[in-house]
Amino acid sequence: MTTVFVYGTLKRGGSNHLFLEGQKYLGAVRTEPGFTLYSLGDYPGMVRAPGDTSGVTGELWSVDDACLAELDRLEGLDEGLYERVDVLLLPNPHAPSAQAYLYLRPHHGLPPVGDTWPVGPAT
């Protein structure tokens, strides 16, 4: 099992949440400062932002190997769209860190979102 931090369409109520079906939701969390979100249209990209002081909000999930492989495919790891890295989380009872997907392509000129990607109501 791998602990994964999700911050966009994979969150409960998001358009890609179905990819986490059957996995274990651990709770709402925030990354340490140093990350922010940009809008890539229908989904966000999280990037390192050294000047950020708040981090990014999201959800923590425990996923099995098959789910992790499917998430890697969805996030375009082989195409160099995202990379999966370990990020520190603000102190929480679930885990000190988790795997998260960082956007790799240039983000200059894209609309900044800040720390939270809005999704529909949690299911």
Protein backbone atom coordinates (compact mmCIF):
# COMPACT_ATOMS: atom_id res chain seq x y z
CA MET A 1 0.00 0.00 0.00
CA THR A 2 1.14 3.53 -0.84
CA THR A 3 -0.07 6.76 0.71
CA VAL A 4 -1.01 9.27 -2.00
CA PHE A 5 -1.90 12.96 -1.69
CA VAL A 6 -4.51 14.07 -4.26
CA TYR A 7 -5.42 17.71 -4.83
CA GLY A 8 -7.55 17.98 -7.97
CA THR A 9 -9.97 15.88 -9.97
CA LEU A 10 -9.13 12.73 -7.98
CA LYS A 11 -10.63 14.22 -4.80
CA ARG A 12 -14.06 13.09 -3.62
CA GLY A 13 -16.59 14.78 -5.89
CA GLY A 14 -13.99 15.23 -8.65
CA SER A 15 -14.38 14.01 -12.21
CA ASN A 16 -11.62 11.36 -11.85
CA HIS A 17 -12.48 10.19 -8.34
CA LEU A 18 -13.67 6.85 -9.75
CA PHE A 19 -9.98 5.88 -10.10
CA LEU A 20 -9.85 5.67 -6.28
CA GLU A 21 -12.83 3.35 -6.01
CA GLY A 22 -12.10 0.60 -3.47
CA GLN A 23 -9.15 2.46 -1.93
CA LYS A 24 -8.99 3.83 1.64
CA TYR A 25 -9.65 7.51 2.34
CA LEU A 26 -7.49 8.71 5.24
CA GLY A 27 -8.64 12.32 5.54
CA ALA A 28 -8.14 15.91 4.51
CA VAL A 29 -4.55 17.21 4.67
CA ARG A 30 -2.29 20.04 3.55
CA THR A 31 1.23 19.92 2.16
CA GLU A 32 4.02 21.82 3.80
CA PRO A 33 4.50 25.35 2.39
CA GLY A 34 6.33 25.54 -0.93
CA PHE A 35 3.69 24.26 -3.36
CA THR A 36 0.88 25.91 -5.33
CA LEU A 37 -1.66 25.02 -8.01
CA TYR A 38 -2.09 26.26 -11.57
CA SER A 39 -5.11 25.67 -13.79
CA LEU A 40 -4.43 23.46 -16.79
CA GLY A 41 -8.02 23.86 -17.97
CA ASP A 42 -10.17 21.05 -16.57
CA TYR A 43 -7.61 20.00 -13.95
CA PRO A 44 -4.82 21.51 -11.85
CA GLY A 45 -1.08 21.07 -11.78
CA MET A 46 0.83 21.31 -8.51
CA VAL A 47 4.27 22.88 -8.78
CA ARG A 48 7.03 23.81 -6.37
CA ALA A 49 6.67 27.44 -5.28
CA PRO A 50 9.53 28.47 -2.98
CA GLY A 51 7.75 31.69 -1.93
CA ASP A 52 4.51 29.93 -0.96
CA THR A 53 3.63 30.08 2.72
CA SER A 54 0.45 27.96 2.85
CA GLY A 55 0.92 24.72 0.88
CA VAL A 56 -1.86 22.90 -1.00
CA THR A 57 -5.00 21.32 0.45
CA GLY A 58 -6.12 17.87 -0.59
CA GLU A 59 -6.93 14.36 0.47
CA LEU A 60 -4.83 11.47 1.69
CA TRP A 61 -5.51 8.00 0.30
CA SER A 62 -3.99 4.58 0.88
CA VAL A 63 -3.87 2.81 -2.50
CA ASP A 64 -2.83 -0.64 -3.65
CA ASP A 65 -0.20 -1.28 -6.32
CA ALA A 66 -2.73 -1.75 -9.12
CA CYS A 67 -4.39 1.57 -8.32
CA LEU A 68 -1.02 3.34 -8.10
CA ALA A 69 -0.06 2.02 -11.55
CA GLU A 70 -3.38 3.28 -12.95
CA LEU A 71 -2.87 6.70 -11.33
CA ASP A 72 0.63 6.88 -12.84
CA ARG A 73 -0.90 6.20 -16.26
CA LEU A 74 -3.68 8.76 -15.72
CA GLU A 75 -1.16 11.41 -14.64
CA GLY A 76 1.02 10.83 -17.71
CA LEU A 77 4.25 9.81 -15.99
CA ASP A 78 5.52 8.06 -19.13
CA GLU A 79 4.79 11.20 -21.21
CA GLY A 80 6.61 13.50 -18.77
CA LEU A 81 3.45 15.41 -17.83
CA TYR A 82 3.80 14.75 -14.09
CA GLU A 83 6.27 13.06 -11.78
CA ARG A 84 5.40 11.26 -8.56
CA VAL A 85 7.43 12.56 -5.63
CA ASP A 86 7.34 12.40 -1.85
CA VAL A 87 5.95 15.56 -0.23
CA LEU A 88 5.89 16.47 3.43
CA LEU A 89 2.51 17.04 5.00
CA LEU A 90 1.73 19.42 7.82
CA PRO A 91 1.53 17.50 11.08
CA ASN A 92 -1.44 15.16 10.94
CA PRO A 93 -2.39 11.85 12.53
CA HIS A 94 -2.25 9.91 9.25
CA ALA A 95 1.26 10.22 7.81
CA PRO A 96 4.21 12.63 7.81
CA SER A 97 4.53 12.44 4.03
CA ALA A 98 2.86 11.02 0.93
CA GLN A 99 3.40 10.51 -2.77
CA ALA A 100 2.04 13.36 -4.91
CA TYR A 101 2.02 14.26 -8.59
CA LEU A 102 3.99 17.39 -9.55
CA TYR A 103 3.37 19.06 -12.89
CA LEU A 104 6.54 19.07 -15.03
CA ARG A 105 5.73 21.26 -18.02
CA PRO A 106 6.15 25.06 -18.09
CA HIS A 107 3.46 26.83 -16.08
CA HIS A 108 4.38 30.45 -16.77
CA GLY A 109 1.33 32.24 -18.17
CA LEU A 110 -1.12 29.67 -16.81
CA PRO A 111 -3.79 30.93 -14.38
CA PRO A 112 -2.73 30.49 -10.75
CA VAL A 113 -5.26 28.73 -8.53
CA GLY A 114 -3.59 28.97 -5.14
CA ASP A 115 -3.96 26.27 -2.51
CA THR A 116 -7.30 24.59 -3.31
CA TRP A 117 -8.86 23.11 -6.46
CA PRO A 118 -12.66 23.25 -6.18
CA VAL A 119 -14.67 20.07 -6.82
CA GLY A 120 -18.30 19.12 -6.41
CA PRO A 121 -19.77 17.80 -3.18
CA ALA A 122 -17.94 14.87 -1.57
CA THR A 123 -19.54 11.49 -2.07
